[in-house]
Amino acid sequence: MLPDWLDAERLEWIILAVIAGLGVSLYVVVSFVRKVVTKFLLLLVIAGLGVSLWFQRADLRTCAETCQCTLYGESVALPEDRRPERCDQGP
């Protein structure tokens, strides 16, 4: 379980910051790695992580509809102001 202060809205912004950091990593790999195979593998890993994070971010935006938010299988709390009333009532 993630900490209480780490809600879905904050995670969206954190994921965007990580994706931006991955963009910088892509630039560094392209600029400084000389071996083609190593460069290709690193670019593949960074791009895969970025795509994975983007899909997780999209899932966080729509999780208010189902009242169940997860990030890579870990439960995430919805902020009080974005939580629908039906989520407070339980199943």
N, C-alpha and C. Protein backbone atom coordinates (compact mmCIF):
# COMPACT_ATOMS: atom_id res chain seq x y z
N MET A 1 0.84 -1.18 0.00
CA MET A 1 0.00 0.00 0.00
C MET A 1 0.88 1.24 0.00
N LEU A 2 0.53 2.18 -0.83
CA LEU A 2 1.27 3.43 -0.91
C LEU A 2 0.90 4.33 0.26
N PRO A 3 1.77 5.28 0.62
CA PRO A 3 1.44 6.20 1.73
C PRO A 3 0.18 7.01 1.43
N ASP A 4 -0.50 7.47 2.48
CA ASP A 4 -1.74 8.22 2.33
C ASP A 4 -1.55 9.53 1.58
N TRP A 5 -0.41 10.18 1.78
CA TRP A 5 -0.17 11.47 1.12
C TRP A 5 0.04 11.33 -0.38
N LEU A 6 0.28 10.12 -0.84
CA LEU A 6 0.54 9.87 -2.26
C LEU A 6 -0.76 9.45 -2.93
N ASP A 7 -1.60 10.44 -3.25
CA ASP A 7 -2.89 10.14 -3.85
C ASP A 7 -2.79 10.14 -5.37
N ALA A 8 -3.89 9.84 -6.03
CA ALA A 8 -3.90 9.67 -7.48
C ALA A 8 -3.52 10.96 -8.20
N GLU A 9 -3.96 12.10 -7.70
CA GLU A 9 -3.66 13.37 -8.36
C GLU A 9 -2.15 13.68 -8.30
N ARG A 10 -1.54 13.47 -7.16
CA ARG A 10 -0.09 13.69 -7.05
C ARG A 10 0.69 12.71 -7.92
N LEU A 11 0.21 11.48 -7.96
CA LEU A 11 0.89 10.49 -8.79
C LEU A 11 0.87 10.87 -10.26
N GLU A 12 -0.21 11.49 -10.72
CA GLU A 12 -0.26 11.94 -12.12
C GLU A 12 0.88 12.91 -12.41
N TRP A 13 1.09 13.86 -11.51
CA TRP A 13 2.16 14.85 -11.70
C TRP A 13 3.54 14.22 -11.56
N ILE A 14 3.68 13.29 -10.64
CA ILE A 14 4.96 12.60 -10.47
C ILE A 14 5.29 11.80 -11.72
N ILE A 15 4.30 11.13 -12.28
CA ILE A 15 4.51 10.35 -13.50
C ILE A 15 4.93 11.26 -14.65
N LEU A 16 4.30 12.43 -14.76
CA LEU A 16 4.70 13.37 -15.82
C LEU A 16 6.16 13.82 -15.63
N ALA A 17 6.56 14.05 -14.38
CA ALA A 17 7.95 14.45 -14.11
C ALA A 17 8.92 13.32 -14.47
N VAL A 18 8.54 12.09 -14.15
CA VAL A 18 9.40 10.94 -14.48
C VAL A 18 9.50 10.78 -16.00
N ILE A 19 8.40 10.97 -16.71
CA ILE A 19 8.42 10.87 -18.17
C ILE A 19 9.33 11.95 -18.75
N ALA A 20 9.29 13.16 -18.19
CA ALA A 20 10.20 14.23 -18.63
C ALA A 20 11.65 13.84 -18.37
N GLY A 21 11.90 13.23 -17.22
CA GLY A 21 13.25 12.75 -16.91
C GLY A 21 13.70 11.67 -17.87
N LEU A 22 12.77 10.83 -18.29
CA LEU A 22 13.09 9.80 -19.28
C LEU A 22 13.44 10.44 -20.62
N GLY A 23 12.79 11.56 -20.95
CA GLY A 23 13.13 12.28 -22.17
C GLY A 23 14.57 12.79 -22.13
N VAL A 24 14.97 13.31 -20.98
CA VAL A 24 16.36 13.75 -20.81
C VAL A 24 17.30 12.55 -20.92
N SER A 25 16.91 11.43 -20.34
CA SER A 25 17.72 10.21 -20.44
C SER A 25 17.89 9.77 -21.88
N LEU A 26 16.82 9.88 -22.65
CA LEU A 26 16.91 9.54 -24.08
C LEU A 26 17.94 10.42 -24.78
N TYR A 27 17.92 11.71 -24.49
CA TYR A 27 18.89 12.63 -25.08
C TYR A 27 20.32 12.24 -24.70
N VAL A 28 20.53 11.93 -23.42
CA VAL A 28 21.87 11.55 -22.96
C VAL A 28 22.33 10.27 -23.65
N VAL A 29 21.46 9.28 -23.76
CA VAL A 29 21.83 8.03 -24.41
C VAL A 29 22.19 8.27 -25.88
N VAL A 30 21.37 9.03 -26.58
CA VAL A 30 21.62 9.30 -27.99
C VAL A 30 22.92 10.08 -28.17
N SER A 31 23.21 11.00 -27.26
CA SER A 31 24.38 11.86 -27.40
C SER A 31 25.69 11.18 -27.03
N PHE A 32 25.67 10.35 -26.00
CA PHE A 32 26.93 9.88 -25.45
C PHE A 32 27.23 8.39 -25.64
N VAL A 33 26.24 7.57 -25.86
CA VAL A 33 26.50 6.14 -26.04
C VAL A 33 26.88 5.91 -27.51
N ARG A 34 28.01 5.29 -27.72
CA ARG A 34 28.54 5.12 -29.07
C ARG A 34 28.23 3.75 -29.68
N LYS A 35 28.14 2.72 -28.86
CA LYS A 35 27.88 1.38 -29.40
C LYS A 35 26.41 1.28 -29.81
N VAL A 36 26.17 0.88 -31.02
CA VAL A 36 24.82 0.88 -31.58
C VAL A 36 23.89 -0.08 -30.83
N VAL A 37 24.37 -1.27 -30.52
CA VAL A 37 23.51 -2.25 -29.85
C VAL A 37 23.15 -1.76 -28.45
N THR A 38 24.11 -1.24 -27.73
CA THR A 38 23.84 -0.73 -26.39
C THR A 38 22.88 0.45 -26.45
N LYS A 39 23.09 1.34 -27.40
CA LYS A 39 22.21 2.49 -27.57
C LYS A 39 20.78 2.03 -27.86
N PHE A 40 20.64 1.07 -28.75
CA PHE A 40 19.31 0.56 -29.11
C PHE A 40 18.61 -0.05 -27.90
N LEU A 41 19.34 -0.88 -27.13
CA LEU A 41 18.74 -1.52 -25.96
C LEU A 41 18.32 -0.50 -24.90
N LEU A 42 19.17 0.49 -24.65
CA LEU A 42 18.84 1.52 -23.67
C LEU A 42 17.64 2.34 -24.12
N LEU A 43 17.60 2.69 -25.40
CA LEU A 43 16.46 3.44 -25.92
C LEU A 43 15.17 2.62 -25.82
N LEU A 44 15.27 1.33 -26.08
CA LEU A 44 14.11 0.45 -25.98
C LEU A 44 13.58 0.38 -24.55
N VAL A 45 14.48 0.24 -23.58
CA VAL A 45 14.08 0.17 -22.17
C VAL A 45 13.45 1.48 -21.72
N ILE A 46 14.08 2.61 -22.06
CA ILE A 46 13.55 3.91 -21.64
C ILE A 46 12.20 4.18 -22.30
N ALA A 47 12.07 3.88 -23.57
CA ALA A 47 10.81 4.09 -24.26
C ALA A 47 9.71 3.19 -23.68
N GLY A 48 10.04 1.95 -23.39
CA GLY A 48 9.07 1.03 -22.79
C GLY A 48 8.59 1.51 -21.43
N LEU A 49 9.51 2.01 -20.62
CA LEU A 49 9.13 2.54 -19.31
C LEU A 49 8.25 3.77 -19.47
N GLY A 50 8.58 4.63 -20.41
CA GLY A 50 7.78 5.82 -20.64
C GLY A 50 6.36 5.49 -21.08
N VAL A 51 6.23 4.55 -21.99
CA VAL A 51 4.90 4.14 -22.47
C VAL A 51 4.11 3.50 -21.33
N SER A 52 4.76 2.67 -20.55
CA SER A 52 4.11 2.02 -19.42
C SER A 52 3.60 3.06 -18.42
N LEU A 53 4.43 4.05 -18.11
CA LEU A 53 4.02 5.11 -17.19
C LEU A 53 2.87 5.93 -17.76
N TRP A 54 2.89 6.19 -19.06
CA TRP A 54 1.82 6.96 -19.68
C TRP A 54 0.48 6.24 -19.55
N PHE A 55 0.47 4.92 -19.77
CA PHE A 55 -0.76 4.15 -19.63
C PHE A 55 -1.22 4.11 -18.17
N GLN A 56 -0.29 3.99 -17.23
CA GLN A 56 -0.66 4.01 -15.81
C GLN A 56 -1.28 5.36 -15.45
N ARG A 57 -0.73 6.44 -16.00
CA ARG A 57 -1.27 7.78 -15.74
C ARG A 57 -2.69 7.88 -16.28
N ALA A 58 -2.93 7.35 -17.45
CA ALA A 58 -4.27 7.38 -18.03
C ALA A 58 -5.25 6.57 -17.16
N ASP A 59 -4.79 5.46 -16.63
CA ASP A 59 -5.64 4.66 -15.74
C ASP A 59 -5.98 5.43 -14.47
N LEU A 60 -5.03 6.21 -13.95
CA LEU A 60 -5.30 6.99 -12.75
C LEU A 60 -6.37 8.06 -13.01
N ARG A 61 -6.41 8.59 -14.21
CA ARG A 61 -7.41 9.62 -14.53
C ARG A 61 -8.82 9.03 -14.57
N THR A 62 -8.97 7.79 -14.95
CA THR A 62 -10.30 7.19 -15.08
C THR A 62 -10.70 6.34 -13.89
N CYS A 63 -9.85 6.20 -12.90
CA CYS A 63 -10.16 5.29 -11.80
C CYS A 63 -11.26 5.82 -10.89
N ALA A 64 -11.56 7.11 -10.94
CA ALA A 64 -12.63 7.64 -10.10
C ALA A 64 -13.98 7.01 -10.46
N GLU A 65 -14.12 6.56 -11.67
CA GLU A 65 -15.37 5.93 -12.10
C GLU A 65 -15.58 4.58 -11.42
N THR A 66 -14.51 3.86 -11.18
CA THR A 66 -14.62 2.54 -10.58
C THR A 66 -14.37 2.54 -9.08
N CYS A 67 -13.92 3.67 -8.54
CA CYS A 67 -13.63 3.83 -7.11
C CYS A 67 -12.45 2.97 -6.66
N GLN A 68 -11.68 2.45 -7.59
CA GLN A 68 -10.51 1.63 -7.26
C GLN A 68 -9.34 2.10 -8.11
N CYS A 69 -8.37 2.72 -7.46
CA CYS A 69 -7.20 3.20 -8.18
C CYS A 69 -6.00 2.33 -7.82
N THR A 70 -5.26 1.94 -8.84
CA THR A 70 -4.03 1.18 -8.61
C THR A 70 -2.94 1.72 -9.53
N LEU A 71 -1.71 1.58 -9.08
CA LEU A 71 -0.54 1.93 -9.87
C LEU A 71 0.40 0.73 -9.78
N TYR A 72 0.53 0.01 -10.87
CA TYR A 72 1.32 -1.22 -10.90
C TYR A 72 0.92 -2.18 -9.79
N GLY A 73 -0.38 -2.29 -9.55
CA GLY A 73 -0.90 -3.24 -8.57
C GLY A 73 -1.00 -2.72 -7.15
N GLU A 74 -0.48 -1.52 -6.86
CA GLU A 74 -0.55 -0.93 -5.53
C GLU A 74 -1.76 -0.03 -5.45
N SER A 75 -2.53 -0.13 -4.37
CA SER A 75 -3.71 0.71 -4.20
C SER A 75 -3.30 2.16 -3.99
N VAL A 76 -4.08 3.06 -4.60
CA VAL A 76 -3.84 4.49 -4.50
C VAL A 76 -5.12 5.16 -4.03
N ALA A 77 -5.01 6.08 -3.08
CA ALA A 77 -6.18 6.79 -2.56
C ALA A 77 -6.61 7.88 -3.53
N LEU A 78 -7.92 8.11 -3.61
CA LEU A 78 -8.46 9.22 -4.38
C LEU A 78 -8.50 10.45 -3.47
N PRO A 79 -8.18 11.65 -4.00
CA PRO A 79 -8.31 12.85 -3.18
C PRO A 79 -9.78 13.06 -2.80
N GLU A 80 -10.00 13.60 -1.61
CA GLU A 80 -11.37 13.80 -1.12
C GLU A 80 -12.22 14.62 -2.08
N ASP A 81 -11.65 15.67 -2.68
CA ASP A 81 -12.43 16.55 -3.54
C ASP A 81 -12.75 15.93 -4.90
N ARG A 82 -12.06 14.85 -5.28
CA ARG A 82 -12.32 14.20 -6.57
C ARG A 82 -13.02 12.86 -6.41
N ARG A 83 -13.35 12.49 -5.18
CA ARG A 83 -13.98 11.20 -4.92
C ARG A 83 -15.50 11.32 -5.08
N PRO A 84 -16.11 10.53 -5.96
CA PRO A 84 -17.57 10.56 -6.11
C PRO A 84 -18.25 10.07 -4.83
N GLU A 85 -19.46 10.52 -4.60
CA GLU A 85 -20.19 10.12 -3.38
C GLU A 85 -20.39 8.61 -3.31
N ARG A 86 -20.61 7.98 -4.45
CA ARG A 86 -20.84 6.53 -4.44
C ARG A 86 -19.63 5.76 -3.94
N CYS A 87 -18.43 6.35 -4.02
CA CYS A 87 -17.23 5.68 -3.52
C CYS A 87 -17.21 5.67 -2.00
N ASP A 88 -17.78 6.69 -1.38
CA ASP A 88 -17.80 6.76 0.08
C ASP A 88 -18.83 5.82 0.70
N GLN A 89 -19.82 5.42 -0.08
CA GLN A 89 -20.88 4.57 0.42
C GLN A 89 -20.49 3.10 0.49
N GLY A 90 -19.44 2.73 -0.23
CA GLY A 90 -19.03 1.33 -0.25
C GLY A 90 -19.76 0.56 -1.33
N PRO A 91 -19.45 -0.75 -1.48
CA PRO A 91 -20.07 -1.57 -2.53
C PRO A 91 -21.51 -1.88 -2.28
